[in-house]
């Protein structure tokens, strides 16, 4: 099974655990780290907006907590048509741990999908040297 399919299955499964009582917009994310492990996250909303966490942020946090530091592939799953892309903040967070050519797949439950390179999603990302 391809990395993309594995990431999709993981993100789709964790999406069911999203805490989204305000927007009812459930998101699941899975990141593949350079250690070969997949880390997952779901969005967690909070009544004190914007104190919630996006799914991508949750997946990155799980990856870092486990000791990994580099993302090699990303998949984000939403119900929306077209599939939702990472927000601006998450694009910057992903770029912190990814390379310019890291594939970011966005997919919905109907199988519609699009893949971008990280640098296409966030041209001119802030880097440590900045």
N, C-alpha and C. Protein backbone atom coordinates (compact mmCIF):
# COMPACT_ATOMS: atom_id res chain seq x y z
N UNK A 1 0.85 -1.18 0.00
CA UNK A 1 0.00 0.00 0.00
C UNK A 1 0.90 1.24 0.00
N UNK A 2 0.54 2.23 -0.76
CA UNK A 2 1.35 3.44 -0.89
C UNK A 2 1.30 4.27 0.39
N UNK A 3 2.32 5.13 0.54
CA UNK A 3 2.33 6.05 1.68
C UNK A 3 1.07 6.91 1.66
N UNK A 4 0.70 7.41 0.50
CA UNK A 4 -0.46 8.29 0.41
C UNK A 4 -1.72 7.59 0.89
N UNK A 5 -1.94 6.35 0.50
CA UNK A 5 -3.13 5.61 0.92
C UNK A 5 -3.10 5.34 2.43
N UNK A 6 -1.93 4.98 2.96
CA UNK A 6 -1.80 4.77 4.40
C UNK A 6 -2.09 6.05 5.17
N UNK A 7 -1.55 7.16 4.68
CA UNK A 7 -1.77 8.44 5.34
C UNK A 7 -3.25 8.82 5.28
N UNK A 8 -3.87 8.61 4.12
CA UNK A 8 -5.30 8.90 3.97
C UNK A 8 -6.11 8.09 4.98
N UNK A 9 -5.85 6.79 5.07
CA UNK A 9 -6.60 5.93 5.99
C UNK A 9 -6.42 6.39 7.44
N UNK A 10 -5.20 6.76 7.80
CA UNK A 10 -4.94 7.22 9.17
C UNK A 10 -5.64 8.54 9.45
N UNK A 11 -5.58 9.48 8.51
CA UNK A 11 -6.22 10.78 8.69
C UNK A 11 -7.74 10.64 8.72
N UNK A 12 -8.27 9.81 7.87
CA UNK A 12 -9.73 9.58 7.83
C UNK A 12 -10.20 8.98 9.16
N UNK A 13 -9.45 8.03 9.69
CA UNK A 13 -9.84 7.39 10.95
C UNK A 13 -9.81 8.37 12.11
N UNK A 14 -8.77 9.18 12.20
CA UNK A 14 -8.65 10.11 13.33
C UNK A 14 -9.63 11.28 13.20
N UNK A 15 -10.05 11.59 11.99
CA UNK A 15 -11.02 12.67 11.78
C UNK A 15 -12.28 12.44 12.61
N UNK A 16 -12.64 11.20 12.81
CA UNK A 16 -13.84 10.85 13.60
C UNK A 16 -13.70 11.30 15.05
N UNK A 17 -12.47 11.51 15.51
CA UNK A 17 -12.23 11.92 16.89
C UNK A 17 -12.17 13.43 17.06
N UNK A 18 -12.35 14.18 15.99
CA UNK A 18 -12.28 15.64 16.08
C UNK A 18 -13.29 16.16 17.09
N UNK A 19 -12.91 17.22 17.77
CA UNK A 19 -13.81 17.91 18.70
C UNK A 19 -14.18 19.22 18.02
N UNK A 20 -15.31 19.21 17.33
CA UNK A 20 -15.72 20.36 16.51
C UNK A 20 -17.18 20.73 16.77
N UNK A 21 -17.55 21.00 18.03
CA UNK A 21 -18.96 21.30 18.32
C UNK A 21 -19.41 22.67 17.82
N UNK A 22 -18.49 23.56 17.49
CA UNK A 22 -18.85 24.91 17.08
C UNK A 22 -18.99 25.02 15.57
N UNK A 23 -18.06 24.45 14.83
CA UNK A 23 -18.09 24.53 13.37
C UNK A 23 -18.68 23.29 12.71
N UNK A 24 -18.64 22.16 13.42
CA UNK A 24 -19.00 20.86 12.85
C UNK A 24 -18.15 20.54 11.63
N UNK A 25 -16.95 21.11 11.58
CA UNK A 25 -16.01 20.88 10.48
C UNK A 25 -14.89 19.99 11.00
N UNK A 26 -15.03 18.70 10.76
CA UNK A 26 -14.07 17.72 11.27
C UNK A 26 -12.91 17.57 10.28
N UNK A 27 -11.70 17.56 10.83
CA UNK A 27 -10.50 17.44 10.01
C UNK A 27 -9.58 16.39 10.65
N UNK A 28 -8.99 15.57 9.81
CA UNK A 28 -7.97 14.62 10.25
C UNK A 28 -6.70 14.87 9.46
N UNK A 29 -5.57 14.72 10.13
CA UNK A 29 -4.28 14.90 9.46
C UNK A 29 -3.35 13.77 9.85
N UNK A 30 -2.51 13.40 8.92
CA UNK A 30 -1.46 12.42 9.17
C UNK A 30 -0.18 12.91 8.53
N UNK A 31 0.90 12.85 9.29
CA UNK A 31 2.20 13.22 8.76
C UNK A 31 3.12 12.01 8.84
N UNK A 32 3.87 11.80 7.79
CA UNK A 32 4.87 10.75 7.75
C UNK A 32 6.21 11.40 8.06
N UNK A 33 6.87 10.90 9.08
CA UNK A 33 8.17 11.45 9.48
C UNK A 33 9.29 10.67 8.82
N UNK A 34 10.47 11.26 8.85
CA UNK A 34 11.62 10.61 8.21
C UNK A 34 12.07 9.34 8.96
N UNK A 35 11.49 9.06 10.11
CA UNK A 35 11.78 7.80 10.81
C UNK A 35 10.84 6.68 10.37
N UNK A 36 9.96 6.98 9.40
CA UNK A 36 9.05 5.98 8.87
C UNK A 36 7.74 5.86 9.63
N UNK A 37 7.60 6.60 10.72
CA UNK A 37 6.39 6.54 11.54
C UNK A 37 5.37 7.57 11.07
N UNK A 38 4.10 7.23 11.23
CA UNK A 38 3.01 8.13 10.92
C UNK A 38 2.44 8.68 12.22
N UNK A 39 2.22 9.99 12.24
CA UNK A 39 1.65 10.67 13.41
C UNK A 39 0.35 11.32 12.97
N UNK A 40 -0.66 11.23 13.82
CA UNK A 40 -1.99 11.69 13.44
C UNK A 40 -2.48 12.78 14.38
N UNK A 41 -3.45 13.55 13.89
CA UNK A 41 -4.08 14.58 14.70
C UNK A 41 -5.44 14.93 14.16
N UNK A 42 -6.31 15.36 15.06
CA UNK A 42 -7.65 15.84 14.70
C UNK A 42 -7.79 17.26 15.22
N UNK A 43 -8.68 18.03 14.61
CA UNK A 43 -8.89 19.38 15.11
C UNK A 43 -9.63 19.34 16.45
N UNK A 44 -9.26 20.28 17.32
CA UNK A 44 -9.83 20.37 18.66
C UNK A 44 -10.25 21.82 18.86
N UNK A 45 -11.56 22.08 18.75
CA UNK A 45 -12.07 23.44 18.91
C UNK A 45 -12.25 23.77 20.39
N UNK A 46 -12.33 25.07 20.65
CA UNK A 46 -12.49 25.56 22.01
C UNK A 46 -13.43 26.76 21.97
N UNK A 47 -14.25 26.91 22.99
CA UNK A 47 -15.19 28.03 23.04
C UNK A 47 -14.46 29.37 23.01
N UNK A 48 -13.22 29.37 23.45
CA UNK A 48 -12.42 30.59 23.43
C UNK A 48 -11.60 30.63 22.14
N UNK A 49 -12.33 30.83 21.02
CA UNK A 49 -11.66 30.89 19.71
C UNK A 49 -10.64 32.02 19.75
N UNK A 50 -9.45 31.91 19.28
CA UNK A 50 -8.88 30.84 18.46
C UNK A 50 -7.98 29.88 19.24
N UNK A 51 -8.37 29.53 20.43
CA UNK A 51 -7.53 28.68 21.27
C UNK A 51 -7.54 27.21 20.88
N UNK A 52 -8.32 26.83 19.90
CA UNK A 52 -8.34 25.45 19.45
C UNK A 52 -7.08 25.08 18.67
N UNK A 53 -7.00 23.81 18.30
CA UNK A 53 -5.87 23.30 17.53
C UNK A 53 -6.38 22.73 16.22
N UNK A 54 -5.68 23.03 15.16
CA UNK A 54 -5.97 22.41 13.87
C UNK A 54 -5.44 20.98 13.88
N UNK A 55 -5.97 20.16 13.00
CA UNK A 55 -5.54 18.76 12.91
C UNK A 55 -4.05 18.66 12.58
N UNK A 56 -3.57 19.51 11.67
CA UNK A 56 -2.16 19.48 11.30
C UNK A 56 -1.28 19.81 12.49
N UNK A 57 -1.70 20.80 13.30
CA UNK A 57 -0.96 21.17 14.49
C UNK A 57 -0.90 20.01 15.47
N UNK A 58 -2.02 19.32 15.64
CA UNK A 58 -2.07 18.17 16.53
C UNK A 58 -1.14 17.05 16.07
N UNK A 59 -1.11 16.80 14.77
CA UNK A 59 -0.23 15.75 14.23
C UNK A 59 1.23 16.13 14.40
N UNK A 60 1.56 17.40 14.16
CA UNK A 60 2.94 17.86 14.35
C UNK A 60 3.34 17.72 15.81
N UNK A 61 2.45 18.09 16.72
CA UNK A 61 2.74 17.97 18.14
C UNK A 61 3.01 16.52 18.54
N UNK A 62 2.21 15.59 18.01
CA UNK A 62 2.43 14.17 18.31
C UNK A 62 3.78 13.71 17.78
N UNK A 63 4.15 14.18 16.58
CA UNK A 63 5.43 13.81 15.98
C UNK A 63 6.59 14.33 16.84
N UNK A 64 6.53 15.59 17.22
CA UNK A 64 7.62 16.19 18.01
C UNK A 64 7.70 15.53 19.38
N UNK A 65 6.54 15.26 20.00
CA UNK A 65 6.52 14.61 21.31
C UNK A 65 7.17 13.23 21.26
N UNK A 66 7.07 12.57 20.11
CA UNK A 66 7.67 11.24 19.94
C UNK A 66 9.16 11.32 19.59
N UNK A 67 9.67 12.53 19.35
CA UNK A 67 11.09 12.69 19.08
C UNK A 67 11.46 12.87 17.62
N UNK A 68 10.48 12.86 16.72
CA UNK A 68 10.78 13.04 15.30
C UNK A 68 10.79 14.54 14.97
N UNK A 69 11.52 14.91 13.93
CA UNK A 69 11.67 16.33 13.59
C UNK A 69 11.48 16.67 12.12
N UNK A 70 11.36 15.68 11.24
CA UNK A 70 11.24 15.96 9.80
C UNK A 70 10.02 15.26 9.23
N UNK A 71 9.23 16.03 8.49
CA UNK A 71 8.05 15.51 7.79
C UNK A 71 8.44 15.23 6.35
N UNK A 72 8.05 14.04 5.87
CA UNK A 72 8.34 13.70 4.47
C UNK A 72 7.08 13.66 3.60
N UNK A 73 5.90 13.59 4.23
CA UNK A 73 4.64 13.57 3.46
C UNK A 73 3.50 13.89 4.41
N UNK A 74 2.45 14.53 3.87
CA UNK A 74 1.31 14.97 4.67
C UNK A 74 0.02 14.59 3.96
N UNK A 75 -1.01 14.24 4.75
CA UNK A 75 -2.36 14.06 4.19
C UNK A 75 -3.36 14.70 5.15
N UNK A 76 -4.24 15.52 4.59
CA UNK A 76 -5.30 16.18 5.35
C UNK A 76 -6.63 15.73 4.75
N UNK A 77 -7.55 15.29 5.60
CA UNK A 77 -8.85 14.81 5.14
C UNK A 77 -9.96 15.67 5.74
N UNK A 78 -10.87 16.12 4.88
CA UNK A 78 -12.05 16.88 5.28
C UNK A 78 -13.27 16.31 4.56
N UNK A 79 -14.44 16.76 4.96
CA UNK A 79 -15.67 16.37 4.27
C UNK A 79 -15.99 17.31 3.12
N UNK A 80 -15.36 18.48 3.08
CA UNK A 80 -15.75 19.53 2.15
C UNK A 80 -15.40 19.21 0.69
N UNK A 81 -16.11 19.87 -0.19
CA UNK A 81 -15.88 19.73 -1.63
C UNK A 81 -15.74 21.14 -2.22
N UNK A 82 -14.56 21.51 -2.66
CA UNK A 82 -13.34 20.72 -2.75
C UNK A 82 -12.73 20.48 -1.37
N UNK A 83 -11.79 19.53 -1.29
CA UNK A 83 -11.15 19.24 -0.01
C UNK A 83 -10.48 20.50 0.55
N UNK A 84 -10.57 20.66 1.87
CA UNK A 84 -9.96 21.82 2.52
C UNK A 84 -8.45 21.71 2.57
N UNK A 85 -7.79 22.84 2.39
CA UNK A 85 -6.33 22.90 2.49
C UNK A 85 -5.94 23.39 3.88
N UNK A 86 -4.71 23.17 4.29
CA UNK A 86 -4.25 23.68 5.57
C UNK A 86 -4.39 25.21 5.62
N UNK A 87 -4.76 25.73 6.79
CA UNK A 87 -4.85 27.18 6.97
C UNK A 87 -3.44 27.78 6.89
N UNK A 88 -3.36 29.09 6.85
CA UNK A 88 -2.06 29.76 6.75
C UNK A 88 -1.12 29.42 7.88
N UNK A 89 -1.65 29.40 9.11
CA UNK A 89 -0.81 29.05 10.26
C UNK A 89 -0.26 27.65 10.16
N UNK A 90 -1.10 26.72 9.74
CA UNK A 90 -0.63 25.33 9.61
C UNK A 90 0.35 25.17 8.46
N UNK A 91 0.18 25.95 7.42
CA UNK A 91 1.15 25.90 6.33
C UNK A 91 2.53 26.30 6.86
N UNK A 92 2.58 27.34 7.69
CA UNK A 92 3.85 27.75 8.27
C UNK A 92 4.37 26.67 9.23
N UNK A 93 3.50 26.10 10.05
CA UNK A 93 3.93 25.05 10.97
C UNK A 93 4.47 23.85 10.21
N UNK A 94 3.77 23.42 9.17
CA UNK A 94 4.25 22.29 8.37
C UNK A 94 5.61 22.61 7.75
N UNK A 95 5.76 23.83 7.25
CA UNK A 95 7.02 24.18 6.57
C UNK A 95 8.20 24.17 7.53
N UNK A 96 7.94 24.35 8.82
CA UNK A 96 9.00 24.31 9.83
C UNK A 96 9.69 22.93 9.86
N UNK A 97 8.92 21.89 9.53
CA UNK A 97 9.41 20.52 9.64
C UNK A 97 9.51 19.80 8.30
N UNK A 98 9.13 20.46 7.21
CA UNK A 98 9.10 19.85 5.89
C UNK A 98 10.10 20.53 4.96
N UNK A 99 10.35 19.89 3.85
CA UNK A 99 11.17 20.47 2.79
C UNK A 99 10.25 21.13 1.76
N UNK A 100 10.83 21.94 0.92
CA UNK A 100 10.06 22.63 -0.12
C UNK A 100 9.30 21.64 -1.01
N UNK A 101 9.88 20.46 -1.25
CA UNK A 101 9.26 19.50 -2.15
C UNK A 101 8.41 18.44 -1.44
N UNK A 102 8.16 18.62 -0.15
CA UNK A 102 7.32 17.67 0.59
C UNK A 102 5.90 17.68 0.01
N UNK A 103 5.36 16.50 -0.36
CA UNK A 103 3.99 16.47 -0.87
C UNK A 103 2.97 16.63 0.26
N UNK A 104 1.97 17.47 -0.02
CA UNK A 104 0.85 17.68 0.91
C UNK A 104 -0.42 17.32 0.14
N UNK A 105 -1.04 16.22 0.55
CA UNK A 105 -2.25 15.72 -0.10
C UNK A 105 -3.46 16.23 0.68
N UNK A 106 -4.43 16.78 -0.01
CA UNK A 106 -5.72 17.12 0.60
C UNK A 106 -6.77 16.28 -0.09
N UNK A 107 -7.62 15.65 0.72
CA UNK A 107 -8.58 14.68 0.20
C UNK A 107 -9.89 14.83 0.95
N UNK A 108 -10.98 14.51 0.28
CA UNK A 108 -12.26 14.47 1.00
C UNK A 108 -12.76 13.04 1.05
N UNK A 109 -13.89 12.85 1.70
CA UNK A 109 -14.42 11.50 1.88
C UNK A 109 -14.97 10.91 0.60
N UNK A 110 -15.19 11.74 -0.43
CA UNK A 110 -15.67 11.26 -1.72
C UNK A 110 -14.52 10.84 -2.64
N UNK A 111 -13.30 10.95 -2.15
CA UNK A 111 -12.14 10.54 -2.95
C UNK A 111 -11.53 11.64 -3.80
N UNK A 112 -12.10 12.85 -3.75
CA UNK A 112 -11.49 13.96 -4.48
C UNK A 112 -10.21 14.34 -3.76
N UNK A 113 -9.16 14.55 -4.54
CA UNK A 113 -7.86 14.76 -3.94
C UNK A 113 -7.02 15.69 -4.81
N UNK A 114 -6.14 16.42 -4.16
CA UNK A 114 -5.17 17.24 -4.86
C UNK A 114 -3.88 17.21 -4.05
N UNK A 115 -2.77 17.22 -4.74
CA UNK A 115 -1.47 17.23 -4.07
C UNK A 115 -0.69 18.47 -4.47
N UNK A 116 -0.16 19.14 -3.48
CA UNK A 116 0.74 20.28 -3.68
C UNK A 116 2.08 19.95 -3.07
N UNK A 117 3.10 20.62 -3.57
CA UNK A 117 4.39 20.64 -2.89
C UNK A 117 4.29 21.70 -1.78
N UNK A 118 5.05 21.54 -0.74
CA UNK A 118 5.01 22.50 0.36
C UNK A 118 5.26 23.92 -0.12
N UNK A 119 6.22 24.09 -1.02
CA UNK A 119 6.53 25.45 -1.49
C UNK A 119 5.45 26.04 -2.40
N UNK A 120 4.56 25.20 -2.94
CA UNK A 120 3.41 25.71 -3.69
C UNK A 120 2.33 26.21 -2.73
N UNK A 121 2.17 25.51 -1.61
CA UNK A 121 1.19 25.93 -0.61
C UNK A 121 1.63 27.17 0.15
N UNK A 122 2.94 27.29 0.36
CA UNK A 122 3.44 28.44 1.12
C UNK A 122 4.75 28.94 0.53
N UNK A 123 4.63 29.69 -0.57
CA UNK A 123 5.85 30.29 -1.14
C UNK A 123 6.39 31.35 -0.18
N UNK A 124 7.69 31.42 -0.06
CA UNK A 124 8.30 32.44 0.79
C UNK A 124 8.10 32.19 2.27
N UNK A 125 8.03 30.94 2.69
CA UNK A 125 7.82 30.61 4.11
C UNK A 125 8.93 31.19 4.97
N UNK A 126 8.59 31.58 6.19
CA UNK A 126 9.61 32.00 7.15
C UNK A 126 10.48 30.82 7.50
N UNK A 127 11.78 31.03 7.59
CA UNK A 127 12.73 29.98 7.98
C UNK A 127 13.54 30.48 9.16
N UNK A 128 14.23 29.58 9.82
CA UNK A 128 15.03 29.93 10.99
C UNK A 128 15.98 31.08 10.71
N UNK A 129 16.57 31.11 9.52
CA UNK A 129 17.53 32.16 9.17
C UNK A 129 16.87 33.54 9.10
N UNK A 130 15.53 33.57 8.94
CA UNK A 130 14.81 34.84 8.85
C UNK A 130 14.69 35.48 10.21
